[in-house]
């Protein structure tokens, strides 16, 4: 799947108000995340390295012990096992995340929506 039309990828709702599309390859995963105003990605951590860019909107973003308000164009890198959370403020937001290695939990959810070849 070298070319991806994001509108053709089935969205998954991991938490209320958040829709993600997570195409992935052998060693890397993209996550296109749409967050409704006021929706929260709860505080969590994972063993995967994560990087991303806020494409649209504004977030209250907590990374480790630091909280910032970030706007479209902001980029971030989250080392493995660092707690983080985001809340969309002043309207909806769109984030493009990249994970390495592939998040197995997201891949499992995503695979449920990929048609299998017969």
Protein backbone atom coordinates (compact mmCIF):
# COMPACT_ATOMS: atom_id res chain seq x y z
CA UNK A 1 0.00 0.00 0.00
CA UNK A 2 2.56 2.64 -1.09
CA UNK A 3 -0.07 5.30 -1.92
CA UNK A 4 -2.85 5.98 0.56
CA UNK A 5 -6.05 7.96 0.07
CA UNK A 6 -6.84 8.85 3.69
CA UNK A 7 -10.53 9.24 2.85
CA UNK A 8 -10.62 5.57 1.82
CA UNK A 9 -9.19 4.34 5.15
CA UNK A 10 -11.83 3.27 7.69
CA UNK A 11 -11.70 5.45 10.83
CA UNK A 12 -11.43 3.86 14.26
CA UNK A 13 -12.67 5.67 17.39
CA UNK A 14 -10.23 4.74 20.19
CA UNK A 15 -11.84 7.23 22.63
CA UNK A 16 -15.00 9.35 22.30
CA UNK A 17 -14.54 12.32 19.98
CA UNK A 18 -11.33 11.00 18.41
CA UNK A 19 -11.12 9.27 15.05
CA UNK A 20 -7.92 7.79 13.71
CA UNK A 21 -6.75 6.13 10.54
CA UNK A 22 -3.56 4.13 10.97
CA UNK A 23 -1.95 2.76 7.81
CA UNK A 24 1.39 1.08 8.46
CA UNK A 25 4.30 -0.72 6.91
CA UNK A 26 6.81 -3.17 8.30
CA UNK A 27 8.57 -0.78 10.71
CA UNK A 28 6.56 2.44 10.79
CA UNK A 29 2.97 3.50 11.38
CA UNK A 30 1.13 6.69 10.46
CA UNK A 31 -1.81 7.85 12.51
CA UNK A 32 -4.10 10.53 11.08
CA UNK A 33 -6.04 11.69 14.13
CA UNK A 34 -9.10 13.96 14.11
CA UNK A 35 -10.11 15.28 17.54
CA UNK A 36 -13.37 17.07 18.31
CA UNK A 37 -13.26 20.22 20.44
CA UNK A 38 -13.01 19.25 24.11
CA UNK A 39 -12.13 15.62 23.37
CA UNK A 40 -9.26 14.17 25.36
CA UNK A 41 -6.65 11.54 24.60
CA UNK A 42 -6.17 10.32 28.19
CA UNK A 43 -2.78 10.31 29.88
CA UNK A 44 -0.92 7.23 28.64
CA UNK A 45 2.49 5.93 27.66
CA UNK A 46 3.79 3.19 25.38
CA UNK A 47 7.13 1.61 24.43
CA UNK A 48 6.96 3.08 20.90
CA UNK A 49 8.73 6.26 19.86
CA UNK A 50 6.20 8.79 18.58
CA UNK A 51 6.63 11.94 16.53
CA UNK A 52 3.99 14.16 15.07
CA UNK A 53 2.75 17.45 13.76
CA UNK A 54 -0.41 19.36 14.55
CA UNK A 55 -1.90 20.02 11.12
CA UNK A 56 -4.99 21.95 12.22
CA UNK A 57 -6.36 23.44 15.41
CA UNK A 58 -5.04 24.01 18.89
CA UNK A 59 -4.16 21.55 21.66
CA UNK A 60 -3.40 21.57 25.32
CA UNK A 61 -0.52 19.09 25.23
CA UNK A 62 1.13 17.54 28.26
CA UNK A 63 4.37 15.68 27.63
CA UNK A 64 6.02 14.32 30.74
CA UNK A 65 5.96 17.14 33.32
CA UNK A 66 5.44 19.98 30.83
CA UNK A 67 2.12 21.34 29.54
CA UNK A 68 1.89 23.71 26.58
CA UNK A 69 -0.73 25.18 24.31
CA UNK A 70 0.33 24.32 20.74
CA UNK A 71 -1.10 25.48 17.42
CA UNK A 72 -1.03 24.21 13.83
CA UNK A 73 2.54 23.69 12.65
CA UNK A 74 3.83 22.54 16.04
CA UNK A 75 5.89 19.34 15.93
CA UNK A 76 6.82 16.99 18.74
CA UNK A 77 8.87 13.91 19.51
CA UNK A 78 7.81 11.65 22.37
CA UNK A 79 10.43 9.20 23.62
CA UNK A 80 9.29 5.69 24.57
CA UNK A 81 7.47 5.31 27.91
CA UNK A 82 6.92 9.06 28.50
CA UNK A 83 3.38 9.85 29.71
CA UNK A 84 1.43 12.27 27.49
CA UNK A 85 -2.09 13.59 26.92
CA UNK A 86 -3.82 16.06 24.60
CA UNK A 87 -7.08 17.98 24.63
CA UNK A 88 -8.45 19.83 21.59
CA UNK A 89 -9.28 23.42 22.56
CA UNK A 90 -11.00 26.27 20.72
CA UNK A 91 -12.28 23.91 18.00
CA UNK A 92 -11.39 20.57 16.41
CA UNK A 93 -7.81 19.49 15.70
CA UNK A 94 -6.00 17.21 13.24
CA UNK A 95 -2.68 15.52 14.07
CA UNK A 96 -0.41 13.35 11.97
CA UNK A 97 1.53 10.96 14.23
CA UNK A 98 4.31 8.57 13.30
CA UNK A 99 5.14 5.53 15.45
CA UNK A 100 8.16 3.26 15.39
CA UNK A 101 7.99 0.39 15.74
CA UNK A 102 4.40 -0.23 14.62
CA UNK A 103 1.92 -0.10 17.52
CA UNK A 104 0.56 -3.63 17.76
CA UNK A 105 -2.65 -2.50 19.49
CA UNK A 106 -3.48 -0.05 16.68
CA UNK A 107 -2.48 -2.57 13.99
CA UNK A 108 -4.85 -5.12 15.51
CA UNK A 109 -7.74 -2.63 15.51
CA UNK A 110 -6.88 -1.45 11.99
CA UNK A 111 -6.71 -4.97 10.59
CA UNK A 112 -10.33 -5.57 11.60
CA UNK A 113 -11.31 -3.02 8.95
CA UNK A 114 -9.06 -4.16 6.10
CA UNK A 115 -10.84 -6.46 3.67
CA UNK A 116 -9.00 -9.76 3.24
CA UNK A 117 -8.20 -11.06 -0.21
CA UNK A 118 -9.92 -14.30 -1.15
